[in-house]
Amino acid sequence: MLGRMETWEHLSPGQKDQARTIFRQFKGLPPDRRRVLNDAIRDMRGLSPEQRDRLINSDQFGRQFTPYERNLLSGASRLPLAPGGLQ
């Protein structure tokens, strides 16, 4: 929890707005899809931005996620990813 709070404190106002928008959209997903996306976000934490983009645009993610979900993942991947995902 502290890691997420520290990450939040270091976000710019624009990043905070983006994070709030992504979180609202994320919360609108069914619980099972939120879990799958949260796992993907956790898995991307150790990747570079370029690696995240390649993964999000990969055939694997194209089969696993809807375009809407991939858009959420893309937005989340542009923010500093604190431990624990979006919850």
Protein backbone atom coordinates (compact mmCIF):
# COMPACT_ATOMS: atom_id res chain seq x y z
CA MET A 1 0.00 0.00 0.00
CA LEU A 2 2.81 2.42 0.83
CA GLY A 3 4.39 1.81 -2.57
CA ARG A 4 1.18 2.84 -4.30
CA MET A 5 0.82 5.93 -2.11
CA GLU A 6 4.40 6.97 -2.82
CA THR A 7 3.89 6.40 -6.53
CA TRP A 8 0.72 8.52 -6.44
CA GLU A 9 2.56 11.38 -4.74
CA HIS A 10 5.12 11.47 -7.55
CA LEU A 11 2.58 11.66 -10.38
CA SER A 12 2.05 14.95 -12.19
CA PRO A 13 -1.47 16.44 -12.12
CA GLY A 14 -2.01 15.19 -15.68
CA GLN A 15 -0.90 11.69 -14.76
CA LYS A 16 -3.23 11.73 -11.75
CA ASP A 17 -6.15 12.69 -14.01
CA GLN A 18 -5.21 9.92 -16.43
CA ALA A 19 -4.93 7.43 -13.56
CA ARG A 20 -8.38 8.40 -12.24
CA THR A 21 -9.92 7.94 -15.69
CA ILE A 22 -8.29 4.54 -16.16
CA PHE A 23 -9.30 3.45 -12.65
CA ARG A 24 -12.97 4.42 -13.28
CA GLN A 25 -12.97 2.45 -16.53
CA PHE A 26 -11.23 -0.46 -14.83
CA LYS A 27 -13.83 -0.52 -12.05
CA GLY A 28 -16.56 -0.77 -14.71
CA LEU A 29 -15.27 -4.14 -15.87
CA PRO A 30 -16.66 -7.42 -14.54
CA PRO A 31 -14.62 -8.74 -11.56
CA ASP A 32 -13.16 -11.66 -13.52
CA ARG A 33 -11.85 -9.33 -16.25
CA ARG A 34 -10.45 -6.92 -13.64
CA ARG A 35 -8.44 -9.81 -12.19
CA VAL A 36 -7.06 -10.76 -15.61
CA LEU A 37 -6.11 -7.15 -16.42
CA ASN A 38 -4.59 -6.67 -12.98
CA ASP A 39 -2.42 -9.75 -13.54
CA ALA A 40 -1.29 -8.35 -16.90
CA ILE A 41 -0.43 -4.99 -15.31
CA ARG A 42 1.61 -6.74 -12.61
CA ASP A 43 3.40 -8.80 -15.27
CA MET A 44 4.29 -5.63 -17.23
CA ARG A 45 5.80 -3.86 -14.22
CA GLY A 46 9.31 -5.10 -14.98
CA LEU A 47 9.17 -4.31 -18.71
CA SER A 48 10.42 -1.22 -20.51
CA PRO A 49 7.80 1.04 -22.15
CA GLU A 50 8.74 -0.39 -25.56
CA GLN A 51 8.36 -3.97 -24.32
CA ARG A 52 4.97 -3.10 -22.80
CA ASP A 53 3.77 -1.62 -26.11
CA ARG A 54 4.94 -4.71 -28.03
CA LEU A 55 3.16 -6.99 -25.58
CA ILE A 56 -0.09 -4.99 -25.63
CA ASN A 57 -0.05 -5.03 -29.44
CA SER A 58 0.95 -8.70 -29.69
CA ASP A 59 -1.22 -11.48 -31.09
CA GLN A 60 -1.26 -13.03 -27.62
CA PHE A 61 -2.89 -9.95 -26.07
CA GLY A 62 -5.10 -9.56 -29.14
CA ARG A 63 -6.58 -12.98 -28.38
CA GLN A 64 -6.70 -12.50 -24.62
CA PHE A 65 -8.11 -8.95 -24.39
CA THR A 66 -10.74 -6.89 -26.15
CA PRO A 67 -9.67 -3.67 -27.90
CA TYR A 68 -11.22 -1.73 -24.97
CA GLU A 69 -9.20 -3.75 -22.45
CA ARG A 70 -5.99 -3.32 -24.46
CA ASN A 71 -6.65 0.43 -24.49
CA LEU A 72 -6.92 0.36 -20.68
CA LEU A 73 -3.70 -1.63 -20.45
CA SER A 74 -1.99 0.81 -22.77
CA GLY A 75 -3.08 3.78 -20.64
CA ALA A 76 -2.04 2.06 -17.43
CA SER A 77 1.32 1.10 -18.93
CA ARG A 78 2.14 4.76 -19.53
CA LEU A 79 1.89 5.49 -15.82
CA PRO A 80 4.46 4.43 -13.23
CA LEU A 81 3.28 0.96 -12.25
CA ALA A 82 3.39 0.56 -8.48
CA PRO A 83 3.38 -2.88 -6.89
CA GLY A 84 -0.08 -4.38 -6.62
CA GLY A 85 -1.66 -3.27 -9.90
CA LEU A 86 -4.91 -1.29 -10.00
CA GLN A 87 -7.03 -3.27 -7.53
